N, C-alpha and C. Protein backbone atom coordinates (compact mmCIF):
# COMPACT_ATOMS: atom_id res chain seq x y z
N MET A 1 39.74 13.53 42.58
CA MET A 1 39.60 12.81 41.31
C MET A 1 38.23 13.14 40.69
N GLU A 2 38.27 13.61 39.47
CA GLU A 2 37.05 14.02 38.80
C GLU A 2 36.28 12.81 38.29
N LYS A 3 34.97 12.86 38.48
CA LYS A 3 34.13 11.79 37.98
C LYS A 3 33.93 11.94 36.48
N GLU A 4 33.88 10.79 35.82
CA GLU A 4 33.63 10.82 34.38
C GLU A 4 32.21 11.30 34.12
N SER A 5 32.13 12.25 33.20
CA SER A 5 30.81 12.79 32.87
C SER A 5 30.09 11.85 31.92
N LYS A 6 28.83 11.56 32.23
CA LYS A 6 28.02 10.70 31.38
C LYS A 6 27.14 11.55 30.49
N PRO A 7 26.91 11.12 29.28
CA PRO A 7 26.03 11.88 28.40
C PRO A 7 24.63 11.96 28.99
N LYS A 8 24.04 13.13 28.91
CA LYS A 8 22.70 13.33 29.45
C LYS A 8 21.69 12.60 28.58
N SER A 9 20.76 11.94 29.25
CA SER A 9 19.70 11.26 28.52
C SER A 9 18.49 12.17 28.41
N SER A 10 17.71 11.96 27.40
CA SER A 10 16.53 12.78 27.17
C SER A 10 15.29 11.90 27.16
N ILE A 11 14.18 12.46 27.65
CA ILE A 11 12.93 11.70 27.61
C ILE A 11 12.43 11.60 26.17
N TRP A 12 12.90 12.49 25.29
CA TRP A 12 12.48 12.48 23.89
C TRP A 12 13.49 11.70 23.06
N VAL A 13 13.34 10.39 23.03
CA VAL A 13 14.24 9.55 22.24
C VAL A 13 13.72 9.51 20.81
N ASP A 14 14.43 10.21 19.91
CA ASP A 14 13.95 10.31 18.53
C ASP A 14 14.85 9.59 17.54
N LYS A 15 15.74 8.74 18.06
CA LYS A 15 16.59 7.94 17.18
C LYS A 15 16.68 6.53 17.75
N GLY A 16 16.90 5.57 16.88
CA GLY A 16 17.02 4.20 17.36
C GLY A 16 17.21 3.20 16.25
N THR A 17 17.37 1.94 16.66
CA THR A 17 17.58 0.85 15.71
C THR A 17 16.58 -0.29 15.89
N ASP A 18 15.79 -0.23 16.95
CA ASP A 18 14.82 -1.30 17.23
C ASP A 18 13.48 -0.97 16.55
N PHE A 19 13.14 -1.78 15.56
CA PHE A 19 11.92 -1.54 14.79
C PHE A 19 10.75 -2.42 15.26
N THR A 20 10.90 -3.09 16.39
CA THR A 20 9.86 -4.03 16.83
C THR A 20 8.50 -3.37 16.94
N ARG A 21 8.43 -2.25 17.67
CA ARG A 21 7.14 -1.59 17.88
C ARG A 21 6.66 -0.90 16.60
N VAL A 22 7.60 -0.37 15.82
CA VAL A 22 7.24 0.30 14.57
C VAL A 22 6.56 -0.69 13.62
N LEU A 23 7.17 -1.86 13.47
CA LEU A 23 6.61 -2.86 12.55
C LEU A 23 5.35 -3.50 13.11
N ALA A 24 5.28 -3.65 14.45
CA ALA A 24 4.07 -4.20 15.05
C ALA A 24 2.88 -3.27 14.82
N LEU A 25 3.12 -1.96 15.02
CA LEU A 25 2.06 -0.98 14.76
C LEU A 25 1.67 -1.00 13.28
N SER A 26 2.67 -1.03 12.41
CA SER A 26 2.41 -1.02 10.96
C SER A 26 1.58 -2.24 10.55
N ASP A 27 1.98 -3.42 11.00
CA ASP A 27 1.24 -4.63 10.64
C ASP A 27 -0.18 -4.60 11.19
N GLY A 28 -0.34 -4.03 12.39
CA GLY A 28 -1.67 -3.91 12.98
C GLY A 28 -2.59 -3.02 12.17
N VAL A 29 -2.06 -1.89 11.71
CA VAL A 29 -2.86 -0.97 10.89
C VAL A 29 -3.25 -1.63 9.57
N PHE A 30 -2.29 -2.30 8.94
CA PHE A 30 -2.60 -3.01 7.69
C PHE A 30 -3.69 -4.06 7.91
N ALA A 31 -3.57 -4.82 9.00
CA ALA A 31 -4.54 -5.88 9.28
C ALA A 31 -5.94 -5.31 9.50
N ILE A 32 -6.03 -4.20 10.23
CA ILE A 32 -7.34 -3.58 10.48
C ILE A 32 -7.93 -3.04 9.18
N ALA A 33 -7.09 -2.39 8.37
CA ALA A 33 -7.57 -1.85 7.09
C ALA A 33 -8.11 -2.96 6.19
N LEU A 34 -7.40 -4.07 6.13
CA LEU A 34 -7.85 -5.20 5.30
C LEU A 34 -9.18 -5.76 5.81
N THR A 35 -9.33 -5.80 7.13
CA THR A 35 -10.58 -6.31 7.72
C THR A 35 -11.74 -5.36 7.44
N LEU A 36 -11.50 -4.06 7.58
CA LEU A 36 -12.57 -3.08 7.36
C LEU A 36 -13.06 -3.09 5.92
N LEU A 37 -12.19 -3.44 4.99
CA LEU A 37 -12.61 -3.51 3.59
C LEU A 37 -13.76 -4.49 3.40
N ALA A 38 -13.74 -5.58 4.17
CA ALA A 38 -14.75 -6.63 4.00
C ALA A 38 -16.10 -6.25 4.59
N LEU A 39 -16.14 -5.24 5.47
CA LEU A 39 -17.40 -4.87 6.12
C LEU A 39 -18.43 -4.35 5.12
N GLU A 40 -17.95 -3.81 3.99
CA GLU A 40 -18.87 -3.31 2.98
C GLU A 40 -19.61 -4.43 2.25
N LEU A 41 -19.18 -5.66 2.45
CA LEU A 41 -19.81 -6.79 1.76
C LEU A 41 -21.01 -7.33 2.54
N ILE A 42 -21.29 -6.78 3.70
CA ILE A 42 -22.44 -7.23 4.49
C ILE A 42 -23.72 -6.71 3.84
N PRO A 43 -24.63 -7.60 3.41
CA PRO A 43 -25.85 -7.15 2.71
C PRO A 43 -26.86 -6.54 3.66
N ALA A 44 -27.81 -5.82 3.09
CA ALA A 44 -28.88 -5.22 3.89
C ALA A 44 -29.85 -6.31 4.35
N GLU A 45 -30.57 -6.01 5.42
CA GLU A 45 -31.56 -6.96 5.96
C GLU A 45 -32.70 -7.18 4.96
N ILE A 46 -33.17 -8.41 4.90
CA ILE A 46 -34.31 -8.76 4.05
C ILE A 46 -35.45 -9.23 4.96
N ASP A 47 -36.65 -8.79 4.66
CA ASP A 47 -37.81 -9.25 5.43
C ASP A 47 -37.90 -10.77 5.38
N ALA A 48 -38.20 -11.37 6.53
CA ALA A 48 -38.21 -12.84 6.64
C ALA A 48 -39.10 -13.50 5.59
N GLY A 49 -40.19 -12.86 5.25
CA GLY A 49 -41.11 -13.47 4.29
C GLY A 49 -40.70 -13.32 2.84
N ARG A 50 -39.64 -12.55 2.57
CA ARG A 50 -39.25 -12.29 1.18
C ARG A 50 -37.82 -12.71 0.88
N VAL A 51 -37.23 -13.51 1.77
CA VAL A 51 -35.83 -13.92 1.59
C VAL A 51 -35.65 -14.70 0.29
N ALA A 52 -36.50 -15.68 0.05
CA ALA A 52 -36.35 -16.53 -1.15
C ALA A 52 -36.43 -15.72 -2.44
N GLN A 53 -37.30 -14.70 -2.46
CA GLN A 53 -37.47 -13.91 -3.67
C GLN A 53 -36.35 -12.89 -3.86
N GLU A 54 -35.89 -12.29 -2.77
CA GLU A 54 -34.97 -11.15 -2.88
C GLU A 54 -33.49 -11.54 -2.74
N LEU A 55 -33.20 -12.69 -2.13
CA LEU A 55 -31.81 -13.05 -1.88
C LEU A 55 -30.96 -13.15 -3.15
N PRO A 56 -31.46 -13.76 -4.25
CA PRO A 56 -30.63 -13.80 -5.47
C PRO A 56 -30.24 -12.40 -5.96
N GLY A 57 -31.19 -11.47 -5.91
CA GLY A 57 -30.89 -10.10 -6.34
C GLY A 57 -29.90 -9.42 -5.42
N VAL A 58 -30.01 -9.70 -4.12
CA VAL A 58 -29.07 -9.11 -3.15
C VAL A 58 -27.66 -9.62 -3.40
N ILE A 59 -27.53 -10.93 -3.65
CA ILE A 59 -26.21 -11.51 -3.92
C ILE A 59 -25.61 -10.92 -5.20
N LEU A 60 -26.42 -10.83 -6.25
CA LEU A 60 -25.93 -10.25 -7.51
C LEU A 60 -25.55 -8.78 -7.32
N GLY A 61 -26.29 -8.10 -6.46
CA GLY A 61 -26.00 -6.69 -6.20
C GLY A 61 -24.68 -6.47 -5.48
N LEU A 62 -24.17 -7.53 -4.84
CA LEU A 62 -22.89 -7.43 -4.13
C LEU A 62 -21.68 -7.58 -5.05
N ILE A 63 -21.92 -7.99 -6.30
CA ILE A 63 -20.79 -8.25 -7.21
C ILE A 63 -19.90 -7.01 -7.40
N PRO A 64 -20.45 -5.82 -7.70
CA PRO A 64 -19.57 -4.65 -7.83
C PRO A 64 -18.78 -4.37 -6.56
N GLN A 65 -19.43 -4.52 -5.39
CA GLN A 65 -18.73 -4.27 -4.14
C GLN A 65 -17.64 -5.31 -3.89
N PHE A 66 -17.92 -6.56 -4.28
CA PHE A 66 -16.90 -7.60 -4.12
C PHE A 66 -15.69 -7.33 -5.01
N LEU A 67 -15.93 -6.89 -6.26
CA LEU A 67 -14.83 -6.59 -7.17
C LEU A 67 -13.98 -5.44 -6.64
N VAL A 68 -14.63 -4.41 -6.10
CA VAL A 68 -13.89 -3.29 -5.51
C VAL A 68 -13.13 -3.77 -4.27
N PHE A 69 -13.76 -4.62 -3.46
CA PHE A 69 -13.09 -5.19 -2.29
C PHE A 69 -11.83 -5.93 -2.70
N ALA A 70 -11.93 -6.77 -3.74
CA ALA A 70 -10.78 -7.54 -4.21
C ALA A 70 -9.67 -6.61 -4.71
N LEU A 71 -10.06 -5.56 -5.45
CA LEU A 71 -9.08 -4.60 -5.95
C LEU A 71 -8.39 -3.87 -4.81
N ALA A 72 -9.18 -3.34 -3.87
CA ALA A 72 -8.61 -2.59 -2.75
C ALA A 72 -7.76 -3.49 -1.86
N PHE A 73 -8.22 -4.72 -1.63
CA PHE A 73 -7.45 -5.68 -0.83
C PHE A 73 -6.09 -5.93 -1.48
N TYR A 74 -6.11 -6.13 -2.79
CA TYR A 74 -4.86 -6.37 -3.52
C TYR A 74 -3.91 -5.18 -3.41
N LEU A 75 -4.45 -3.97 -3.58
CA LEU A 75 -3.61 -2.78 -3.53
C LEU A 75 -3.00 -2.58 -2.14
N VAL A 76 -3.78 -2.84 -1.10
CA VAL A 76 -3.24 -2.72 0.26
C VAL A 76 -2.17 -3.78 0.51
N ILE A 77 -2.40 -5.00 0.02
CA ILE A 77 -1.39 -6.06 0.16
C ILE A 77 -0.10 -5.69 -0.56
N VAL A 78 -0.22 -5.11 -1.76
CA VAL A 78 0.96 -4.68 -2.51
C VAL A 78 1.75 -3.66 -1.70
N LYS A 79 1.04 -2.73 -1.06
CA LYS A 79 1.71 -1.71 -0.25
C LYS A 79 2.34 -2.31 1.00
N TRP A 80 1.67 -3.32 1.58
CA TRP A 80 2.25 -3.99 2.75
C TRP A 80 3.53 -4.72 2.37
N MET A 81 3.53 -5.41 1.23
CA MET A 81 4.72 -6.14 0.80
C MET A 81 5.87 -5.18 0.51
N ALA A 82 5.56 -4.04 -0.11
CA ALA A 82 6.59 -3.03 -0.37
C ALA A 82 7.12 -2.46 0.94
N HIS A 83 6.21 -2.21 1.88
CA HIS A 83 6.60 -1.69 3.20
C HIS A 83 7.54 -2.67 3.90
N ARG A 84 7.22 -3.96 3.84
CA ARG A 84 8.07 -4.98 4.46
C ARG A 84 9.45 -5.01 3.81
N ARG A 85 9.48 -4.90 2.49
CA ARG A 85 10.77 -4.97 1.78
C ARG A 85 11.66 -3.78 2.13
N ILE A 86 11.09 -2.58 2.14
CA ILE A 86 11.95 -1.41 2.38
C ILE A 86 12.45 -1.41 3.82
N PHE A 87 11.66 -1.91 4.76
CA PHE A 87 12.13 -1.94 6.15
C PHE A 87 13.11 -3.07 6.40
N GLU A 88 13.27 -3.98 5.45
CA GLU A 88 14.35 -4.95 5.53
C GLU A 88 15.69 -4.28 5.24
N HIS A 89 15.65 -3.17 4.50
CA HIS A 89 16.88 -2.44 4.15
C HIS A 89 17.18 -1.30 5.12
N ILE A 90 16.16 -0.77 5.79
CA ILE A 90 16.36 0.34 6.72
C ILE A 90 16.87 -0.21 8.05
N THR A 91 17.99 0.34 8.54
CA THR A 91 18.63 -0.20 9.74
C THR A 91 18.40 0.65 10.99
N HIS A 92 18.09 1.93 10.84
CA HIS A 92 17.84 2.80 11.99
C HIS A 92 16.92 3.93 11.56
N TYR A 93 16.53 4.78 12.50
CA TYR A 93 15.52 5.78 12.21
C TYR A 93 15.71 7.03 13.05
N ASP A 94 15.02 8.10 12.64
CA ASP A 94 14.87 9.29 13.48
C ASP A 94 13.39 9.64 13.52
N SER A 95 13.06 10.75 14.17
CA SER A 95 11.65 11.10 14.34
C SER A 95 10.98 11.41 13.00
N THR A 96 11.73 12.00 12.06
CA THR A 96 11.15 12.31 10.74
C THR A 96 10.73 11.04 10.01
N LEU A 97 11.59 10.04 10.05
CA LEU A 97 11.26 8.76 9.41
C LEU A 97 10.03 8.13 10.06
N LEU A 98 9.97 8.20 11.39
CA LEU A 98 8.81 7.64 12.09
C LEU A 98 7.53 8.37 11.70
N TRP A 99 7.60 9.70 11.58
CA TRP A 99 6.40 10.45 11.23
C TRP A 99 5.97 10.20 9.79
N LEU A 100 6.94 10.03 8.90
CA LEU A 100 6.59 9.67 7.52
C LEU A 100 5.87 8.32 7.50
N ASN A 101 6.37 7.38 8.31
CA ASN A 101 5.71 6.08 8.39
C ASN A 101 4.31 6.22 9.00
N ASN A 102 4.17 7.10 10.00
CA ASN A 102 2.86 7.31 10.62
C ASN A 102 1.85 7.91 9.64
N TRP A 103 2.31 8.86 8.83
CA TRP A 103 1.42 9.45 7.82
C TRP A 103 1.01 8.40 6.79
N PHE A 104 1.96 7.54 6.43
CA PHE A 104 1.65 6.46 5.50
C PHE A 104 0.59 5.53 6.10
N LEU A 105 0.73 5.20 7.38
CA LEU A 105 -0.24 4.33 8.05
C LEU A 105 -1.61 4.99 8.15
N LEU A 106 -1.62 6.30 8.36
CA LEU A 106 -2.90 7.03 8.39
C LEU A 106 -3.65 6.84 7.08
N LEU A 107 -2.92 6.93 5.98
CA LEU A 107 -3.54 6.79 4.66
C LEU A 107 -3.99 5.35 4.40
N ILE A 108 -3.23 4.38 4.92
CA ILE A 108 -3.64 2.98 4.80
C ILE A 108 -4.94 2.75 5.59
N ALA A 109 -5.00 3.31 6.79
CA ALA A 109 -6.21 3.17 7.62
C ALA A 109 -7.42 3.83 6.96
N PHE A 110 -7.17 4.88 6.16
CA PHE A 110 -8.24 5.61 5.47
C PHE A 110 -8.74 4.87 4.23
N MET A 111 -7.94 3.93 3.72
CA MET A 111 -8.23 3.28 2.44
C MET A 111 -9.64 2.66 2.34
N PRO A 112 -10.20 2.09 3.41
CA PRO A 112 -11.56 1.54 3.29
C PRO A 112 -12.62 2.58 2.92
N VAL A 113 -12.37 3.87 3.18
CA VAL A 113 -13.37 4.90 2.89
C VAL A 113 -13.57 5.08 1.38
N PRO A 114 -12.51 5.40 0.60
CA PRO A 114 -12.72 5.50 -0.86
C PRO A 114 -13.14 4.18 -1.49
N ALA A 115 -12.69 3.06 -0.90
CA ALA A 115 -13.11 1.75 -1.43
C ALA A 115 -14.61 1.55 -1.22
N ALA A 116 -15.13 1.97 -0.06
CA ALA A 116 -16.57 1.82 0.22
C ALA A 116 -17.39 2.69 -0.72
N ILE A 117 -16.93 3.91 -0.96
CA ILE A 117 -17.65 4.82 -1.87
C ILE A 117 -17.66 4.26 -3.29
N LEU A 118 -16.51 3.75 -3.73
CA LEU A 118 -16.43 3.17 -5.08
C LEU A 118 -17.31 1.92 -5.18
N GLY A 119 -17.35 1.12 -4.12
CA GLY A 119 -18.17 -0.08 -4.13
C GLY A 119 -19.66 0.22 -4.24
N ARG A 120 -20.08 1.33 -3.62
CA ARG A 120 -21.51 1.70 -3.66
C ARG A 120 -21.88 2.41 -4.96
N TYR A 121 -20.93 3.16 -5.51
CA TYR A 121 -21.22 3.94 -6.73
C TYR A 121 -20.16 3.65 -7.79
N PRO A 122 -20.06 2.39 -8.26
CA PRO A 122 -18.96 2.01 -9.16
C PRO A 122 -18.98 2.68 -10.52
N GLN A 123 -20.12 3.21 -10.94
CA GLN A 123 -20.20 3.82 -12.26
C GLN A 123 -20.12 5.35 -12.20
N GLU A 124 -19.86 5.87 -11.02
CA GLU A 124 -19.72 7.32 -10.88
C GLU A 124 -18.25 7.72 -11.03
N PRO A 125 -17.92 8.56 -12.01
CA PRO A 125 -16.52 8.97 -12.20
C PRO A 125 -15.90 9.58 -10.94
N LEU A 126 -16.69 10.36 -10.18
CA LEU A 126 -16.15 11.00 -8.99
C LEU A 126 -15.69 9.97 -7.96
N ALA A 127 -16.43 8.86 -7.84
CA ALA A 127 -16.04 7.80 -6.90
C ALA A 127 -14.70 7.20 -7.31
N LEU A 128 -14.51 7.00 -8.61
CA LEU A 128 -13.25 6.44 -9.12
C LEU A 128 -12.11 7.44 -8.96
N ILE A 129 -12.40 8.71 -9.19
CA ILE A 129 -11.38 9.76 -9.04
C ILE A 129 -10.93 9.85 -7.58
N PHE A 130 -11.89 9.82 -6.65
CA PHE A 130 -11.57 9.87 -5.23
C PHE A 130 -10.69 8.68 -4.84
N PHE A 131 -11.03 7.50 -5.35
CA PHE A 131 -10.24 6.30 -5.09
C PHE A 131 -8.82 6.45 -5.65
N GLY A 132 -8.73 6.97 -6.88
CA GLY A 132 -7.42 7.15 -7.51
C GLY A 132 -6.55 8.16 -6.80
N VAL A 133 -7.14 9.28 -6.37
CA VAL A 133 -6.38 10.31 -5.65
C VAL A 133 -5.85 9.75 -4.33
N ALA A 134 -6.66 8.95 -3.65
CA ALA A 134 -6.21 8.32 -2.40
C ALA A 134 -5.00 7.43 -2.64
N GLN A 135 -5.01 6.69 -3.76
CA GLN A 135 -3.87 5.83 -4.10
C GLN A 135 -2.63 6.66 -4.44
N ILE A 136 -2.83 7.76 -5.14
CA ILE A 136 -1.70 8.63 -5.51
C ILE A 136 -1.02 9.17 -4.27
N ILE A 137 -1.80 9.71 -3.34
CA ILE A 137 -1.24 10.31 -2.13
C ILE A 137 -0.54 9.26 -1.28
N THR A 138 -1.17 8.09 -1.13
CA THR A 138 -0.58 7.03 -0.31
C THR A 138 0.75 6.56 -0.88
N THR A 139 0.79 6.33 -2.19
CA THR A 139 2.03 5.89 -2.83
C THR A 139 3.09 6.97 -2.79
N ALA A 140 2.68 8.24 -2.91
CA ALA A 140 3.64 9.35 -2.85
C ALA A 140 4.30 9.43 -1.48
N VAL A 141 3.54 9.20 -0.42
CA VAL A 141 4.12 9.22 0.93
C VAL A 141 5.09 8.06 1.11
N GLN A 142 4.76 6.90 0.55
CA GLN A 142 5.68 5.76 0.62
C GLN A 142 6.96 6.06 -0.17
N TRP A 143 6.83 6.75 -1.28
CA TRP A 143 7.99 7.17 -2.07
C TRP A 143 8.85 8.15 -1.26
N LEU A 144 8.22 9.09 -0.57
CA LEU A 144 8.95 10.03 0.28
C LEU A 144 9.67 9.32 1.42
N LEU A 145 9.01 8.33 2.01
CA LEU A 145 9.61 7.56 3.09
C LEU A 145 10.88 6.87 2.63
N TRP A 146 10.81 6.21 1.48
CA TRP A 146 11.98 5.53 0.94
C TRP A 146 13.06 6.53 0.53
N GLY A 147 12.66 7.63 -0.09
CA GLY A 147 13.63 8.64 -0.50
C GLY A 147 14.36 9.26 0.68
N TYR A 148 13.63 9.54 1.76
CA TYR A 148 14.25 10.12 2.95
C TYR A 148 15.22 9.14 3.59
N ALA A 149 14.84 7.86 3.64
CA ALA A 149 15.68 6.85 4.29
C ALA A 149 16.96 6.57 3.51
N THR A 150 16.89 6.69 2.18
CA THR A 150 18.02 6.27 1.35
C THR A 150 18.89 7.42 0.85
N ARG A 151 18.46 8.64 1.05
CA ARG A 151 19.24 9.79 0.57
C ARG A 151 20.61 9.79 1.25
N GLY A 152 21.66 9.63 0.46
CA GLY A 152 23.00 9.56 1.02
C GLY A 152 23.19 8.37 1.94
N HIS A 153 22.41 7.30 1.72
CA HIS A 153 22.43 6.11 2.59
C HIS A 153 22.19 6.51 4.05
N ARG A 154 21.26 7.45 4.25
CA ARG A 154 21.02 8.00 5.58
C ARG A 154 20.66 6.92 6.61
N PHE A 155 19.69 6.07 6.26
CA PHE A 155 19.23 5.06 7.22
C PHE A 155 19.28 3.64 6.67
N VAL A 156 20.04 3.45 5.61
CA VAL A 156 20.21 2.10 5.07
C VAL A 156 21.68 1.73 5.11
N ASP A 157 21.94 0.44 5.12
CA ASP A 157 23.30 -0.04 5.18
C ASP A 157 24.04 0.28 3.89
N GLU A 158 25.34 0.43 3.99
CA GLU A 158 26.16 0.74 2.81
C GLU A 158 26.12 -0.39 1.78
N SER A 159 25.73 -1.59 2.23
CA SER A 159 25.66 -2.72 1.29
C SER A 159 24.48 -2.61 0.33
N VAL A 160 23.53 -1.73 0.64
CA VAL A 160 22.39 -1.51 -0.26
C VAL A 160 22.88 -0.67 -1.44
N ASP A 161 22.95 -1.27 -2.62
CA ASP A 161 23.53 -0.57 -3.76
C ASP A 161 22.55 0.42 -4.38
N ASP A 162 23.08 1.26 -5.24
CA ASP A 162 22.27 2.30 -5.88
C ASP A 162 21.18 1.72 -6.78
N ASP A 163 21.45 0.55 -7.37
CA ASP A 163 20.44 -0.08 -8.23
C ASP A 163 19.20 -0.45 -7.43
N THR A 164 19.40 -0.97 -6.22
CA THR A 164 18.27 -1.32 -5.35
C THR A 164 17.48 -0.08 -4.95
N ILE A 165 18.20 0.97 -4.61
CA ILE A 165 17.55 2.23 -4.22
C ILE A 165 16.73 2.78 -5.38
N ARG A 166 17.32 2.78 -6.58
CA ARG A 166 16.60 3.28 -7.76
C ARG A 166 15.41 2.40 -8.10
N PHE A 167 15.57 1.08 -7.93
CA PHE A 167 14.49 0.15 -8.27
C PHE A 167 13.23 0.49 -7.49
N PHE A 168 13.35 0.64 -6.17
CA PHE A 168 12.17 0.95 -5.35
C PHE A 168 11.64 2.34 -5.66
N ARG A 169 12.55 3.30 -5.82
CA ARG A 169 12.11 4.67 -6.11
C ARG A 169 11.34 4.74 -7.42
N ASN A 170 11.89 4.09 -8.45
CA ASN A 170 11.22 4.11 -9.76
C ASN A 170 9.91 3.33 -9.74
N ARG A 171 9.87 2.24 -8.97
CA ARG A 171 8.63 1.46 -8.87
C ARG A 171 7.50 2.33 -8.30
N TYR A 172 7.82 3.13 -7.27
CA TYR A 172 6.80 4.00 -6.68
C TYR A 172 6.38 5.09 -7.66
N LEU A 173 7.35 5.65 -8.38
CA LEU A 173 7.03 6.70 -9.35
C LEU A 173 6.13 6.16 -10.46
N ILE A 174 6.42 4.95 -10.93
CA ILE A 174 5.59 4.34 -11.97
C ILE A 174 4.17 4.13 -11.47
N GLN A 175 4.04 3.70 -10.22
CA GLN A 175 2.70 3.51 -9.65
C GLN A 175 1.95 4.83 -9.54
N ILE A 176 2.66 5.88 -9.13
CA ILE A 176 2.03 7.21 -9.03
C ILE A 176 1.53 7.66 -10.40
N ILE A 177 2.39 7.51 -11.41
CA ILE A 177 2.01 7.91 -12.78
C ILE A 177 0.81 7.09 -13.26
N THR A 178 0.82 5.79 -12.96
CA THR A 178 -0.30 4.93 -13.36
C THR A 178 -1.60 5.39 -12.74
N PHE A 179 -1.58 5.74 -11.46
CA PHE A 179 -2.81 6.18 -10.80
C PHE A 179 -3.24 7.57 -11.27
N VAL A 180 -2.29 8.40 -11.68
CA VAL A 180 -2.65 9.68 -12.29
C VAL A 180 -3.39 9.44 -13.60
N VAL A 181 -2.83 8.53 -14.44
CA VAL A 181 -3.49 8.18 -15.70
C VAL A 181 -4.87 7.57 -15.43
N PHE A 182 -4.93 6.67 -14.47
CA PHE A 182 -6.18 6.03 -14.07
C PHE A 182 -7.23 7.07 -13.69
N THR A 183 -6.82 8.06 -12.90
CA THR A 183 -7.75 9.10 -12.44
C THR A 183 -8.22 9.97 -13.60
N LEU A 184 -7.31 10.32 -14.51
CA LEU A 184 -7.69 11.15 -15.66
C LEU A 184 -8.60 10.39 -16.62
N VAL A 185 -8.30 9.11 -16.84
CA VAL A 185 -9.13 8.31 -17.74
C VAL A 185 -10.53 8.12 -17.15
N ALA A 186 -10.63 8.10 -15.82
CA ALA A 186 -11.94 7.95 -15.16
C ALA A 186 -12.88 9.09 -15.52
N LEU A 187 -12.31 10.25 -15.88
CA LEU A 187 -13.15 11.37 -16.32
C LEU A 187 -13.84 11.07 -17.65
N ILE A 188 -13.22 10.17 -18.42
CA ILE A 188 -13.75 9.84 -19.75
C ILE A 188 -14.61 8.58 -19.70
N ASN A 189 -14.04 7.51 -19.11
CA ASN A 189 -14.75 6.23 -19.09
C ASN A 189 -14.32 5.42 -17.87
N VAL A 190 -15.28 5.00 -17.07
CA VAL A 190 -14.99 4.27 -15.84
C VAL A 190 -14.34 2.92 -16.13
N TRP A 191 -14.90 2.17 -17.07
CA TRP A 191 -14.40 0.83 -17.36
C TRP A 191 -13.02 0.86 -18.01
N LEU A 192 -12.77 1.88 -18.82
CA LEU A 192 -11.44 2.03 -19.42
C LEU A 192 -10.40 2.31 -18.34
N ALA A 193 -10.77 3.12 -17.34
CA ALA A 193 -9.85 3.41 -16.24
C ALA A 193 -9.51 2.15 -15.46
N LEU A 194 -10.51 1.33 -15.18
CA LEU A 194 -10.27 0.06 -14.48
C LEU A 194 -9.41 -0.87 -15.33
N GLY A 195 -9.59 -0.81 -16.66
CA GLY A 195 -8.76 -1.61 -17.56
C GLY A 195 -7.30 -1.20 -17.50
N VAL A 196 -7.05 0.10 -17.41
CA VAL A 196 -5.67 0.61 -17.28
C VAL A 196 -5.02 0.04 -16.03
N LEU A 197 -5.76 0.06 -14.93
CA LEU A 197 -5.23 -0.45 -13.66
C LEU A 197 -4.98 -1.95 -13.73
N PHE A 198 -5.92 -2.67 -14.33
CA PHE A 198 -5.78 -4.12 -14.45
C PHE A 198 -4.56 -4.49 -15.28
N LEU A 199 -4.37 -3.83 -16.42
CA LEU A 199 -3.23 -4.13 -17.28
C LEU A 199 -1.91 -3.81 -16.60
N PHE A 200 -1.89 -2.70 -15.84
CA PHE A 200 -0.66 -2.32 -15.15
C PHE A 200 -0.25 -3.39 -14.15
N TYR A 201 -1.19 -3.83 -13.31
CA TYR A 201 -0.84 -4.80 -12.29
C TYR A 201 -0.64 -6.20 -12.87
N MET A 202 -1.25 -6.50 -14.00
CA MET A 202 -0.92 -7.74 -14.70
C MET A 202 0.52 -7.69 -15.18
N GLY A 203 0.94 -6.51 -15.65
CA GLY A 203 2.32 -6.33 -16.09
C GLY A 203 3.30 -6.46 -14.94
N ILE A 204 2.93 -5.89 -13.78
CA ILE A 204 3.77 -6.00 -12.59
C ILE A 204 3.91 -7.46 -12.17
N GLY A 205 2.78 -8.18 -12.19
CA GLY A 205 2.80 -9.59 -11.80
C GLY A 205 3.69 -10.43 -12.71
N SER A 206 3.57 -10.21 -14.01
CA SER A 206 4.39 -10.97 -14.96
C SER A 206 5.86 -10.60 -14.83
N GLN A 207 6.13 -9.32 -14.51
CA GLN A 207 7.52 -8.88 -14.33
C GLN A 207 8.14 -9.57 -13.11
N ILE A 208 7.38 -9.66 -12.02
CA ILE A 208 7.88 -10.31 -10.81
C ILE A 208 8.13 -11.79 -11.08
N PHE A 209 7.18 -12.44 -11.78
CA PHE A 209 7.32 -13.86 -12.10
C PHE A 209 8.56 -14.10 -12.96
N THR A 210 8.75 -13.27 -13.99
CA THR A 210 9.90 -13.40 -14.88
C THR A 210 11.20 -13.19 -14.12
N SER A 211 11.21 -12.19 -13.23
CA SER A 211 12.41 -11.90 -12.44
C SER A 211 12.77 -13.07 -11.54
N ARG A 212 11.77 -13.68 -10.91
CA ARG A 212 12.02 -14.83 -10.04
C ARG A 212 12.56 -16.02 -10.83
N GLN A 213 12.01 -16.23 -12.02
CA GLN A 213 12.48 -17.33 -12.86
C GLN A 213 13.93 -17.13 -13.25
N ARG A 214 14.30 -15.88 -13.55
CA ARG A 214 15.69 -15.59 -13.91
C ARG A 214 16.62 -15.87 -12.73
N HIS A 215 16.18 -15.47 -11.52
CA HIS A 215 17.00 -15.71 -10.33
C HIS A 215 17.18 -17.20 -10.09
N LYS A 216 16.11 -17.98 -10.31
CA LYS A 216 16.20 -19.42 -10.12
C LYS A 216 17.18 -20.03 -11.10
N HIS A 217 17.10 -19.60 -12.37
CA HIS A 217 18.02 -20.12 -13.39
C HIS A 217 19.46 -19.72 -13.08
N ALA A 218 19.63 -18.48 -12.58
CA ALA A 218 20.97 -18.01 -12.24
C ALA A 218 21.55 -18.81 -11.08
N ASP A 219 20.70 -19.09 -10.07
CA ASP A 219 21.17 -19.86 -8.91
C ASP A 219 21.52 -21.29 -9.31
N SER A 220 20.70 -21.90 -10.17
CA SER A 220 20.97 -23.27 -10.61
C SER A 220 22.22 -23.34 -11.48
N ALA A 221 22.47 -22.28 -12.24
CA ALA A 221 23.67 -22.24 -13.09
C ALA A 221 24.93 -22.14 -12.24
N GLU A 222 24.82 -21.40 -11.11
CA GLU A 222 25.99 -21.25 -10.24
C GLU A 222 26.33 -22.55 -9.54
N THR A 223 25.29 -23.34 -9.20
CA THR A 223 25.54 -24.61 -8.52
C THR A 223 25.90 -25.72 -9.51
């Protein structure tokens, strides 16, 4: 009597459905990046005999760095929320998807570097351009991650409709275009570039608020 042949197992498991470790690593990287952003707010040492005279100036000098910290913190949080949402739709993975996520995390971990440079030299166009390019590349990798996962419903459930797939894809593309405009405008005027970014995210915020209000009204109408 012939024994039933069992499929051979491999030490290189490159497919799966358990995202526990993937999401734990991702959340850890985001948490570390957010913490590192705040390290730039630590002021320089002041001589003990001159604290009263110099402390007000030191605190005022931290304002540009604090504003950059708030901006970078917000942008990282936006990316974390988007990352959480897309992984709610992704049901399984392969090694390519994992590596795309790893590259995305690498860029998130790098985010404190351009933020620190911008905080120290807020009026230098090159600092703003470097910050903008970092945002473009990071968002582009997130767009690739979503595109790879959803192409032909490769790693998402069939219940995820095309409108949802397009919504996330277009949201990333709009962000990429915005940061390209932001980077180009920085060549002309630093404050105008920051204004472009502020208006864009104010628009995103109002859009999310309006969308939620519509959903609430729709739910109340159904009940």
